Amino acid sequence: MLIDPLALAVEERTLRQTGITDGYERLYIDHDCIIITPMQKIVGQMRELSNRQGSCGLGIGETVRDNQFLKENSLKVADLFNYKTLQSKLAFLGKFKLDHAEQLVEENPCNQEIQSRYRLLKDANLVQRVLDLYHPGFDAKIHFVSGYDLPHQTIFEGAQGVLLDVKYGFLPYVTKTNT
């Protein structure tokens, strides 16, 4: 499972504006969920601009790909609660994604949109800004669980929906990555 803490915060604020004030209290998140970072979103958008793959621009495919390669070095929800681990993993991920971005820039030297996103990633303060946004973790009202320690009535929501998964969905209405 993947989660974008910044998008989650926007969703929660939107719910509050409509009068739903207990959105976080209803939410259960596993400590092992993989975090989608702004760096992964940016590189995913760069890949889309280079016409190398389809993308919705939310960093999902990029994060899945990174998790398959990085394994235990992927950023997880549990890491948001340990400042040193969070700082270390974000610094590594920032360099890792910058390397990917540099390759895309070399392959597309005339694409100004790719160049523009590359400048965002190259910003020396980006990782620190993300670190400041992520720490000290999620709102305390969210329930954090491990494995299947869930209440009786539970809804599972995937990043893009279960039926969009290439293995379980219906062609041609599937994504290229497992959701």
Foldseek 3Di string as FASTA:
>chain_A
DEDEQVVVVVVQVVCVVVPNNCPQLQAEAEQFHFYQAPLLLLLQVLCVVLVNFDDPSRNPVSLVVCCVVVPVLTHTQNQLQPLVSLLVSLVVVLVVSLVSLVVSCVVPVPDVSSVVSNVVSVPPCNSVVRSVVSPPHDDPSHHYDHDPPDDPDDDDADPPGQQQAPVRHDPPNHGPHGD
